[in-house]
Amino acid sequence: MKRLVMVGLGPVHLYALYAFARQRVASAQVVWIAPSDKAIIPGQEAACVAGDQTLAAATLDLLPVWRVADVTPLHVSVTALNLQQRRLALSDGQELSYDALSLDLASVIDRDQIAGARHLGLFTQPPEFFLDMVERLIELAQARDLNVVLVGEGAAAFDADGWFDTGDVATIDDYGYMHIT
């Protein structure tokens, strides 16, 4: 039997997973490499932070979907890819061979390249870190007022109505930095 390995929980892979749940891939063993059994519904990050949607409502529980789709989830990361041998090296020290490979990874911003971002930024990617951080942010926001700027791409940088998610007026300086006034 052929082995299809899916790496990541990007929007295309989430769509494929639900398609596999509707109609199993009978001709292949499907292995899914993902950091957790949870995923954020694409584009819902800002709605969670703004309080327009609960984190629970914006989170997909993938475990039952993987079961229905007859998919084997692996909670590891890929550390190396050998295209000639069709093998992946995994973070747990194992290797995994594949016949077909699909990569749908979310982009990740290097927090250390933006001054103060590691301590002050709420990054939407990777989603498993966002899930953990937004829960802490919500707890903190219940104790005191907060100003929050999401650092992300696409829909994650905007609120549920399509506006930049601060409501403030901003200018962009010559270096591309945004200054909220």
N, C-alpha and C. Protein backbone atom coordinates (compact mmCIF):
# COMPACT_ATOMS: atom_id res chain seq x y z
N MET A 1 0.84 -1.18 0.00
CA MET A 1 0.00 0.00 0.00
C MET A 1 0.89 1.25 0.00
N LYS A 2 0.51 2.23 -0.76
CA LYS A 2 1.24 3.50 -0.84
C LYS A 2 1.05 4.28 0.46
N ARG A 3 2.03 5.16 0.76
CA ARG A 3 1.92 6.01 1.95
C ARG A 3 1.94 7.47 1.51
N LEU A 4 0.88 8.18 1.88
CA LEU A 4 0.77 9.62 1.67
C LEU A 4 1.06 10.30 3.00
N VAL A 5 2.05 11.19 3.02
CA VAL A 5 2.39 11.92 4.24
C VAL A 5 2.01 13.38 4.04
N MET A 6 1.20 13.87 4.95
CA MET A 6 0.76 15.27 4.96
C MET A 6 1.48 15.95 6.12
N VAL A 7 2.20 17.04 5.83
CA VAL A 7 2.94 17.76 6.87
C VAL A 7 2.33 19.14 7.02
N GLY A 8 1.79 19.41 8.22
CA GLY A 8 1.27 20.74 8.52
C GLY A 8 -0.24 20.81 8.52
N LEU A 9 -0.73 21.91 9.09
CA LEU A 9 -2.17 22.14 9.22
C LEU A 9 -2.58 23.44 8.55
N GLY A 10 -2.01 23.73 7.40
CA GLY A 10 -2.43 24.91 6.65
C GLY A 10 -3.84 24.73 6.12
N PRO A 11 -4.43 25.77 5.56
CA PRO A 11 -5.83 25.71 5.13
C PRO A 11 -6.11 24.67 4.05
N VAL A 12 -5.16 24.45 3.15
CA VAL A 12 -5.38 23.44 2.11
C VAL A 12 -5.41 22.04 2.73
N HIS A 13 -4.53 21.80 3.68
CA HIS A 13 -4.53 20.50 4.35
C HIS A 13 -5.79 20.30 5.18
N LEU A 14 -6.26 21.34 5.84
CA LEU A 14 -7.51 21.20 6.61
C LEU A 14 -8.66 20.84 5.68
N TYR A 15 -8.71 21.47 4.52
CA TYR A 15 -9.75 21.14 3.54
C TYR A 15 -9.62 19.68 3.11
N ALA A 16 -8.39 19.25 2.84
CA ALA A 16 -8.16 17.86 2.42
C ALA A 16 -8.56 16.89 3.52
N LEU A 17 -8.26 17.21 4.77
CA LEU A 17 -8.62 16.33 5.87
C LEU A 17 -10.12 16.11 5.93
N TYR A 18 -10.89 17.17 5.80
CA TYR A 18 -12.35 17.01 5.84
C TYR A 18 -12.85 16.27 4.60
N ALA A 19 -12.18 16.43 3.48
CA ALA A 19 -12.54 15.65 2.28
C ALA A 19 -12.25 14.18 2.51
N PHE A 20 -11.12 13.87 3.15
CA PHE A 20 -10.78 12.47 3.45
C PHE A 20 -11.79 11.88 4.43
N ALA A 21 -12.32 12.70 5.33
CA ALA A 21 -13.33 12.20 6.28
C ALA A 21 -14.63 11.86 5.56
N ARG A 22 -14.94 12.60 4.50
CA ARG A 22 -16.14 12.29 3.71
C ARG A 22 -15.94 11.06 2.84
N GLN A 23 -14.72 10.90 2.32
CA GLN A 23 -14.40 9.75 1.48
C GLN A 23 -12.95 9.35 1.75
N ARG A 24 -12.81 8.24 2.44
CA ARG A 24 -11.47 7.76 2.80
C ARG A 24 -10.61 7.49 1.58
N VAL A 25 -9.31 7.62 1.77
CA VAL A 25 -8.35 7.31 0.72
C VAL A 25 -8.03 5.82 0.86
N ALA A 26 -8.74 5.00 0.11
CA ALA A 26 -8.61 3.55 0.25
C ALA A 26 -7.31 3.01 -0.31
N SER A 27 -6.72 3.72 -1.25
CA SER A 27 -5.53 3.21 -1.94
C SER A 27 -4.22 3.59 -1.26
N ALA A 28 -4.28 4.28 -0.11
CA ALA A 28 -3.05 4.72 0.54
C ALA A 28 -3.24 4.80 2.05
N GLN A 29 -2.13 4.60 2.75
CA GLN A 29 -2.09 4.88 4.17
C GLN A 29 -1.79 6.37 4.29
N VAL A 30 -2.60 7.11 5.03
CA VAL A 30 -2.39 8.55 5.19
C VAL A 30 -1.83 8.81 6.59
N VAL A 31 -0.65 9.45 6.62
CA VAL A 31 0.01 9.83 7.86
C VAL A 31 0.05 11.35 7.90
N TRP A 32 -0.36 11.92 9.03
CA TRP A 32 -0.42 13.38 9.17
C TRP A 32 0.55 13.83 10.23
N ILE A 33 1.49 14.68 9.87
CA ILE A 33 2.44 15.23 10.83
C ILE A 33 1.97 16.63 11.20
N ALA A 34 1.62 16.77 12.48
CA ALA A 34 1.08 18.04 12.98
C ALA A 34 1.46 18.20 14.44
N PRO A 35 1.60 19.42 14.92
CA PRO A 35 2.05 19.64 16.29
C PRO A 35 1.02 19.25 17.35
N SER A 36 -0.27 19.24 17.01
CA SER A 36 -1.28 18.92 18.01
C SER A 36 -2.56 18.44 17.33
N ASP A 37 -3.53 18.09 18.16
CA ASP A 37 -4.84 17.67 17.67
C ASP A 37 -5.79 18.85 17.50
N LYS A 38 -5.30 20.05 17.67
CA LYS A 38 -6.12 21.26 17.58
C LYS A 38 -5.61 22.16 16.46
N ALA A 39 -6.53 22.88 15.85
CA ALA A 39 -6.18 23.87 14.82
C ALA A 39 -7.16 25.03 14.93
N ILE A 40 -6.68 26.21 14.60
CA ILE A 40 -7.54 27.39 14.55
C ILE A 40 -8.20 27.42 13.18
N ILE A 41 -9.49 27.71 13.16
CA ILE A 41 -10.18 27.89 11.88
C ILE A 41 -9.50 29.06 11.18
N PRO A 42 -9.03 28.87 9.94
CA PRO A 42 -8.29 29.94 9.26
C PRO A 42 -9.06 31.27 9.27
N GLY A 43 -8.36 32.34 9.68
CA GLY A 43 -8.94 33.67 9.68
C GLY A 43 -9.64 34.06 10.96
N GLN A 44 -9.69 33.17 11.96
CA GLN A 44 -10.45 33.47 13.18
C GLN A 44 -9.59 34.01 14.32
N GLU A 45 -8.30 34.17 14.10
CA GLU A 45 -7.41 34.61 15.16
C GLU A 45 -7.82 35.98 15.71
N ALA A 46 -8.05 36.92 14.82
CA ALA A 46 -8.39 38.28 15.26
C ALA A 46 -9.71 38.32 16.00
N ALA A 47 -10.68 37.54 15.56
CA ALA A 47 -11.98 37.50 16.23
C ALA A 47 -11.84 36.99 17.66
N CYS A 48 -10.94 36.05 17.89
CA CYS A 48 -10.69 35.55 19.25
C CYS A 48 -10.09 36.64 20.13
N VAL A 49 -9.07 37.30 19.62
CA VAL A 49 -8.39 38.32 20.40
C VAL A 49 -9.32 39.49 20.68
N ALA A 50 -10.14 39.85 19.72
CA ALA A 50 -11.07 40.97 19.89
C ALA A 50 -12.24 40.62 20.81
N GLY A 51 -12.39 39.34 21.13
CA GLY A 51 -13.50 38.92 21.98
C GLY A 51 -14.79 38.70 21.22
N ASP A 52 -14.73 38.74 19.88
CA ASP A 52 -15.93 38.53 19.07
C ASP A 52 -16.28 37.05 18.95
N GLN A 53 -15.33 36.19 19.25
CA GLN A 53 -15.56 34.75 19.16
C GLN A 53 -14.74 34.08 20.25
N THR A 54 -15.30 33.04 20.85
CA THR A 54 -14.54 32.32 21.87
C THR A 54 -13.47 31.47 21.20
N LEU A 55 -12.43 31.20 21.95
CA LEU A 55 -11.37 30.34 21.44
C LEU A 55 -11.91 28.96 21.12
N ALA A 56 -12.82 28.46 21.95
CA ALA A 56 -13.41 27.14 21.70
C ALA A 56 -14.16 27.11 20.37
N ALA A 57 -14.88 28.18 20.05
CA ALA A 57 -15.64 28.22 18.80
C ALA A 57 -14.74 28.34 17.58
N ALA A 58 -13.53 28.87 17.76
CA ALA A 58 -12.61 29.06 16.64
C ALA A 58 -11.60 27.92 16.51
N THR A 59 -11.70 26.93 17.38
CA THR A 59 -10.74 25.83 17.40
C THR A 59 -11.38 24.56 16.86
N LEU A 60 -10.65 23.90 15.99
CA LEU A 60 -11.08 22.60 15.46
C LEU A 60 -10.42 21.49 16.26
N ASP A 61 -11.21 20.53 16.71
CA ASP A 61 -10.67 19.33 17.35
C ASP A 61 -10.50 18.30 16.24
N LEU A 62 -9.27 18.01 15.88
CA LEU A 62 -8.99 17.17 14.72
C LEU A 62 -9.00 15.68 15.01
N LEU A 63 -8.89 15.30 16.27
CA LEU A 63 -8.80 13.88 16.59
C LEU A 63 -9.98 13.06 16.05
N PRO A 64 -11.23 13.48 16.26
CA PRO A 64 -12.32 12.69 15.69
C PRO A 64 -12.34 12.69 14.16
N VAL A 65 -11.87 13.77 13.55
CA VAL A 65 -11.83 13.83 12.08
C VAL A 65 -10.76 12.88 11.56
N TRP A 66 -9.60 12.85 12.23
CA TRP A 66 -8.56 11.90 11.83
C TRP A 66 -9.06 10.47 11.94
N ARG A 67 -9.83 10.18 12.99
CA ARG A 67 -10.37 8.81 13.15
C ARG A 67 -11.30 8.45 12.00
N VAL A 68 -12.24 9.33 11.71
CA VAL A 68 -13.21 9.06 10.63
C VAL A 68 -12.49 8.93 9.29
N ALA A 69 -11.47 9.75 9.07
CA ALA A 69 -10.73 9.74 7.80
C ALA A 69 -9.73 8.59 7.73
N ASP A 70 -9.58 7.84 8.83
CA ASP A 70 -8.62 6.73 8.90
C ASP A 70 -7.19 7.23 8.65
N VAL A 71 -6.87 8.34 9.32
CA VAL A 71 -5.56 8.98 9.20
C VAL A 71 -4.77 8.70 10.48
N THR A 72 -3.48 8.49 10.34
CA THR A 72 -2.59 8.30 11.48
C THR A 72 -1.89 9.62 11.79
N PRO A 73 -2.24 10.29 12.91
CA PRO A 73 -1.55 11.54 13.25
C PRO A 73 -0.25 11.26 13.99
N LEU A 74 0.77 12.03 13.68
CA LEU A 74 2.05 11.98 14.40
C LEU A 74 2.34 13.38 14.92
N HIS A 75 2.52 13.51 16.23
CA HIS A 75 2.79 14.81 16.84
C HIS A 75 4.30 15.00 17.00
N VAL A 76 4.94 15.20 15.88
CA VAL A 76 6.38 15.42 15.79
C VAL A 76 6.59 16.53 14.77
N SER A 77 7.83 16.91 14.58
CA SER A 77 8.14 17.83 13.49
C SER A 77 9.17 17.18 12.57
N VAL A 78 9.24 17.68 11.36
CA VAL A 78 10.20 17.17 10.39
C VAL A 78 11.49 17.95 10.57
N THR A 79 12.59 17.22 10.74
CA THR A 79 13.89 17.88 10.92
C THR A 79 14.74 17.84 9.66
N ALA A 80 14.44 16.90 8.76
CA ALA A 80 15.18 16.81 7.49
C ALA A 80 14.33 16.09 6.46
N LEU A 81 14.56 16.44 5.21
CA LEU A 81 13.81 15.86 4.09
C LEU A 81 14.82 15.36 3.06
N ASN A 82 14.72 14.08 2.71
CA ASN A 82 15.58 13.50 1.68
C ASN A 82 14.70 13.17 0.48
N LEU A 83 14.72 14.02 -0.52
CA LEU A 83 13.86 13.83 -1.69
C LEU A 83 14.24 12.61 -2.51
N GLN A 84 15.54 12.33 -2.62
CA GLN A 84 15.98 11.19 -3.43
C GLN A 84 15.52 9.86 -2.83
N GLN A 85 15.63 9.74 -1.51
CA GLN A 85 15.23 8.49 -0.85
C GLN A 85 13.78 8.51 -0.39
N ARG A 86 13.12 9.64 -0.55
CA ARG A 86 11.73 9.80 -0.11
C ARG A 86 11.58 9.43 1.37
N ARG A 87 12.38 10.12 2.19
CA ARG A 87 12.38 9.86 3.62
C ARG A 87 12.37 11.19 4.38
N LEU A 88 11.68 11.17 5.51
CA LEU A 88 11.66 12.31 6.42
C LEU A 88 12.36 11.91 7.71
N ALA A 89 13.21 12.77 8.23
CA ALA A 89 13.75 12.59 9.57
C ALA A 89 12.82 13.36 10.51
N LEU A 90 12.44 12.72 11.62
CA LEU A 90 11.48 13.30 12.54
C LEU A 90 12.15 13.71 13.85
N SER A 91 11.51 14.63 14.56
CA SER A 91 12.08 15.18 15.80
C SER A 91 12.22 14.14 16.91
N ASP A 92 11.52 13.02 16.81
CA ASP A 92 11.65 11.97 17.82
C ASP A 92 12.76 10.97 17.48
N GLY A 93 13.53 11.26 16.42
CA GLY A 93 14.63 10.40 16.03
C GLY A 93 14.27 9.33 15.00
N GLN A 94 13.00 9.16 14.73
CA GLN A 94 12.55 8.16 13.76
C GLN A 94 12.68 8.71 12.35
N GLU A 95 12.61 7.81 11.39
CA GLU A 95 12.53 8.19 9.97
C GLU A 95 11.22 7.65 9.42
N LEU A 96 10.68 8.36 8.44
CA LEU A 96 9.41 7.96 7.84
C LEU A 96 9.56 8.03 6.33
N SER A 97 9.27 6.92 5.66
CA SER A 97 9.32 6.92 4.20
C SER A 97 7.95 7.31 3.67
N TYR A 98 7.93 7.77 2.42
CA TYR A 98 6.67 8.18 1.81
C TYR A 98 6.70 7.89 0.32
N ASP A 99 5.52 7.72 -0.25
CA ASP A 99 5.36 7.63 -1.70
C ASP A 99 4.93 8.97 -2.27
N ALA A 100 4.10 9.67 -1.50
CA ALA A 100 3.65 11.01 -1.88
C ALA A 100 3.73 11.89 -0.64
N LEU A 101 4.14 13.14 -0.83
CA LEU A 101 4.34 14.06 0.27
C LEU A 101 3.65 15.37 -0.05
N SER A 102 2.93 15.91 0.94
CA SER A 102 2.30 17.21 0.79
C SER A 102 2.71 18.09 1.96
N LEU A 103 3.16 19.30 1.66
CA LEU A 103 3.57 20.26 2.69
C LEU A 103 2.63 21.46 2.65
N ASP A 104 2.02 21.76 3.77
CA ASP A 104 1.18 22.96 3.90
C ASP A 104 1.47 23.54 5.27
N LEU A 105 2.56 24.27 5.33
CA LEU A 105 3.05 24.80 6.59
C LEU A 105 2.72 26.28 6.69
N ALA A 106 2.33 26.68 7.86
CA ALA A 106 2.08 28.10 8.08
C ALA A 106 3.42 28.83 8.14
N SER A 107 3.44 30.05 7.66
CA SER A 107 4.67 30.84 7.75
C SER A 107 4.92 31.20 9.21
N VAL A 108 6.15 31.32 9.56
CA VAL A 108 6.53 31.65 10.93
C VAL A 108 7.47 32.85 10.88
N ILE A 109 7.16 33.85 11.67
CA ILE A 109 7.97 35.06 11.74
C ILE A 109 9.03 34.86 12.81
N ASP A 110 10.26 35.23 12.53
CA ASP A 110 11.35 35.11 13.49
C ASP A 110 11.19 36.20 14.54
N ARG A 111 10.69 35.81 15.71
CA ARG A 111 10.42 36.76 16.78
C ARG A 111 11.66 37.54 17.21
N ASP A 112 12.82 36.93 17.11
CA ASP A 112 14.05 37.57 17.57
C ASP A 112 14.54 38.65 16.61
N GLN A 113 14.00 38.73 15.41
CA GLN A 113 14.41 39.75 14.45
C GLN A 113 13.62 41.05 14.63
N ILE A 114 12.61 41.04 15.49
CA ILE A 114 11.80 42.23 15.76
C ILE A 114 12.00 42.60 17.22
N ALA A 115 12.59 43.75 17.49
CA ALA A 115 12.90 44.15 18.86
C ALA A 115 11.67 44.09 19.75
N GLY A 116 11.78 43.35 20.86
CA GLY A 116 10.70 43.26 21.84
C GLY A 116 9.60 42.29 21.49
N ALA A 117 9.62 41.73 20.30
CA ALA A 117 8.50 40.90 19.86
C ALA A 117 8.34 39.62 20.67
N ARG A 118 9.43 39.03 21.07
CA ARG A 118 9.33 37.77 21.82
C ARG A 118 8.56 37.98 23.13
N HIS A 119 8.73 39.15 23.75
CA HIS A 119 8.09 39.40 25.04
C HIS A 119 6.77 40.14 24.91
N LEU A 120 6.59 40.88 23.83
CA LEU A 120 5.42 41.74 23.72
C LEU A 120 4.47 41.37 22.58
N GLY A 121 4.89 40.52 21.66
CA GLY A 121 4.09 40.24 20.47
C GLY A 121 3.17 39.04 20.65
N LEU A 122 2.04 39.09 19.99
CA LEU A 122 1.12 37.95 19.90
C LEU A 122 1.14 37.50 18.45
N PHE A 123 1.86 36.45 18.17
CA PHE A 123 2.02 35.97 16.81
C PHE A 123 0.96 34.92 16.51
N THR A 124 0.38 35.00 15.33
CA THR A 124 -0.67 34.05 14.95
C THR A 124 -0.11 32.74 14.45
N GLN A 125 1.17 32.69 14.14
CA GLN A 125 1.79 31.46 13.64
C GLN A 125 3.01 31.13 14.48
N PRO A 126 3.30 29.92 14.73
CA PRO A 126 2.50 28.74 14.41
C PRO A 126 1.28 28.65 15.33
N PRO A 127 0.21 28.03 14.84
CA PRO A 127 -1.07 28.03 15.56
C PRO A 127 -1.01 27.44 16.97
N GLU A 128 -0.17 26.43 17.18
CA GLU A 128 -0.13 25.82 18.52
C GLU A 128 0.37 26.81 19.56
N PHE A 129 1.27 27.72 19.19
CA PHE A 129 1.73 28.75 20.11
C PHE A 129 0.65 29.82 20.28
N PHE A 130 -0.03 30.16 19.20
CA PHE A 130 -1.11 31.15 19.29
C PHE A 130 -2.19 30.66 20.24
N LEU A 131 -2.58 29.39 20.15
CA LEU A 131 -3.62 28.85 21.03
C LEU A 131 -3.23 29.02 22.49
N ASP A 132 -1.99 28.71 22.81
CA ASP A 132 -1.51 28.82 24.18
C ASP A 132 -1.46 30.28 24.62
N MET A 133 -0.94 31.14 23.77
CA MET A 133 -0.78 32.55 24.14
C MET A 133 -2.11 33.28 24.25
N VAL A 134 -3.06 32.99 23.37
CA VAL A 134 -4.32 33.72 23.41
C VAL A 134 -5.11 33.36 24.68
N GLU A 135 -4.98 32.14 25.16
CA GLU A 135 -5.63 31.79 26.42
C GLU A 135 -5.07 32.64 27.56
N ARG A 136 -3.75 32.79 27.60
CA ARG A 136 -3.13 33.63 28.63
C ARG A 136 -3.53 35.10 28.46
N LEU A 137 -3.61 35.55 27.21
CA LEU A 137 -3.99 36.93 26.93
C LEU A 137 -5.40 37.22 27.42
N ILE A 138 -6.32 36.30 27.19
CA ILE A 138 -7.71 36.49 27.62
C ILE A 138 -7.77 36.57 29.15
N GLU A 139 -7.03 35.72 29.83
CA GLU A 139 -6.99 35.78 31.30
C GLU A 139 -6.45 37.12 31.77
N LEU A 140 -5.39 37.60 31.14
CA LEU A 140 -4.79 38.88 31.51
C LEU A 140 -5.74 40.03 31.22
N ALA A 141 -6.46 39.96 30.10
CA ALA A 141 -7.39 41.03 29.73
C ALA A 141 -8.56 41.13 30.70
N GLN A 142 -8.88 40.05 31.37
CA GLN A 142 -9.95 40.10 32.37
C GLN A 142 -9.50 40.85 33.62
N ALA A 143 -8.19 40.92 33.83
CA ALA A 143 -7.65 41.60 35.00
C ALA A 143 -7.37 43.08 34.74
N ARG A 144 -7.02 43.43 33.48
CA ARG A 144 -6.72 44.83 33.18
C ARG A 144 -6.89 45.09 31.69
N ASP A 145 -7.00 46.39 31.34
CA ASP A 145 -7.13 46.75 29.93
C ASP A 145 -5.81 46.49 29.21
N LEU A 146 -5.93 46.04 27.96
CA LEU A 146 -4.75 45.75 27.15
C LEU A 146 -4.88 46.39 25.78
N ASN A 147 -3.76 46.76 25.19
CA ASN A 147 -3.69 47.13 23.78
C ASN A 147 -2.98 45.98 23.09
N VAL A 148 -3.60 45.43 22.05
CA VAL A 148 -3.07 44.25 21.39
C VAL A 148 -2.92 44.51 19.91
N VAL A 149 -1.77 44.13 19.37
CA VAL A 149 -1.56 44.14 17.92
C VAL A 149 -1.20 42.72 17.53
N LEU A 150 -1.93 42.19 16.57
CA LEU A 150 -1.63 40.85 16.06
C LEU A 150 -0.55 40.94 15.01
N VAL A 151 0.40 40.03 15.07
CA VAL A 151 1.44 39.95 14.06
C VAL A 151 1.15 38.70 13.25
N GLY A 152 0.70 38.90 12.03
CA GLY A 152 0.32 37.75 11.22
C GLY A 152 0.23 38.14 9.77
N GLU A 153 -0.44 37.31 9.04
CA GLU A 153 -0.57 37.52 7.60
C GLU A 153 -2.03 37.38 7.22
N GLY A 154 -2.40 37.87 6.09
CA GLY A 154 -3.74 37.66 5.56
C GLY A 154 -4.82 38.07 6.53
N ALA A 155 -5.82 37.22 6.65
CA ALA A 155 -6.99 37.53 7.47
C ALA A 155 -6.64 37.70 8.94
N ALA A 156 -5.57 37.08 9.41
CA ALA A 156 -5.21 37.17 10.82
C ALA A 156 -4.85 38.59 11.24
N ALA A 157 -4.48 39.43 10.31
CA ALA A 157 -4.09 40.80 10.64
C ALA A 157 -5.29 41.74 10.67
N PHE A 158 -6.47 41.24 10.44
CA PHE A 158 -7.66 42.07 10.38
C PHE A 158 -8.73 41.51 11.30
N ASP A 159 -9.67 42.38 11.69
CA ASP A 159 -10.73 41.90 12.56
C ASP A 159 -11.83 41.21 11.75
N ALA A 160 -12.88 40.78 12.45
CA ALA A 160 -13.94 40.01 11.80
C ALA A 160 -14.67 40.81 10.72
N ASP A 161 -14.62 42.15 10.81
CA ASP A 161 -15.28 42.99 9.82
C ASP A 161 -14.34 43.42 8.69
N GLY A 162 -13.10 42.96 8.73
CA GLY A 162 -12.16 43.29 7.66
C GLY A 162 -11.32 44.53 7.90
N TRP A 163 -11.39 45.11 9.10
CA TRP A 163 -10.61 46.29 9.41
C TRP A 163 -9.36 45.89 10.18
N PHE A 164 -8.32 46.73 10.07
CA PHE A 164 -7.12 46.49 10.87
C PHE A 164 -7.55 46.44 12.32
N ASP A 165 -7.05 45.50 13.07
CA ASP A 165 -7.63 45.13 14.35
C ASP A 165 -7.25 46.00 15.55
N THR A 166 -7.03 47.28 15.40
CA THR A 166 -6.81 48.12 16.56
C THR A 166 -7.84 49.23 16.66
N GLY A 167 -8.39 49.65 15.54
CA GLY A 167 -9.31 50.77 15.56
C GLY A 167 -8.60 52.11 15.66
N ASP A 168 -7.29 52.09 15.78
CA ASP A 168 -6.51 53.31 15.91
C ASP A 168 -6.04 53.79 14.54
N VAL A 169 -5.55 55.03 14.51
CA VAL A 169 -4.97 55.60 13.30
C VAL A 169 -3.48 55.29 13.33
N ALA A 170 -2.93 54.90 12.20
CA ALA A 170 -1.51 54.54 12.16
C ALA A 170 -0.84 55.19 10.96
N THR A 171 0.46 55.41 11.11
CA THR A 171 1.28 55.87 9.99
C THR A 171 2.40 54.86 9.79
N ILE A 172 2.92 54.78 8.58
CA ILE A 172 4.03 53.90 8.26
C ILE A 172 5.25 54.77 8.01
N ASP A 173 6.35 54.51 8.74
CA ASP A 173 7.54 55.32 8.55
C ASP A 173 8.36 54.83 7.36
N ASP A 174 9.49 55.50 7.11
CA ASP A 174 10.33 55.17 5.96
C ASP A 174 10.92 53.77 6.01
N TYR A 175 10.96 53.17 7.18
CA TYR A 175 11.52 51.83 7.33
C TYR A 175 10.44 50.74 7.30
N GLY A 176 9.19 51.15 7.12
CA GLY A 176 8.10 50.19 7.06
C GLY A 176 7.47 49.85 8.40
N TYR A 177 7.88 50.55 9.47
CA TYR A 177 7.29 50.30 10.78
C TYR A 177 5.99 51.08 10.92
N MET A 178 5.04 50.47 11.58
CA MET A 178 3.76 51.12 11.82
C MET A 178 3.80 51.83 13.17
N HIS A 179 3.33 53.07 13.20
CA HIS A 179 3.23 53.84 14.43
C HIS A 179 1.76 54.17 14.65
N ILE A 180 1.21 53.65 15.74
CA ILE A 180 -0.19 53.91 16.04
C ILE A 180 -0.26 55.19 16.86
N THR A 181 -1.09 56.13 16.38
CA THR A 181 -1.18 57.43 17.03
C THR A 181 -2.45 57.56 17.84
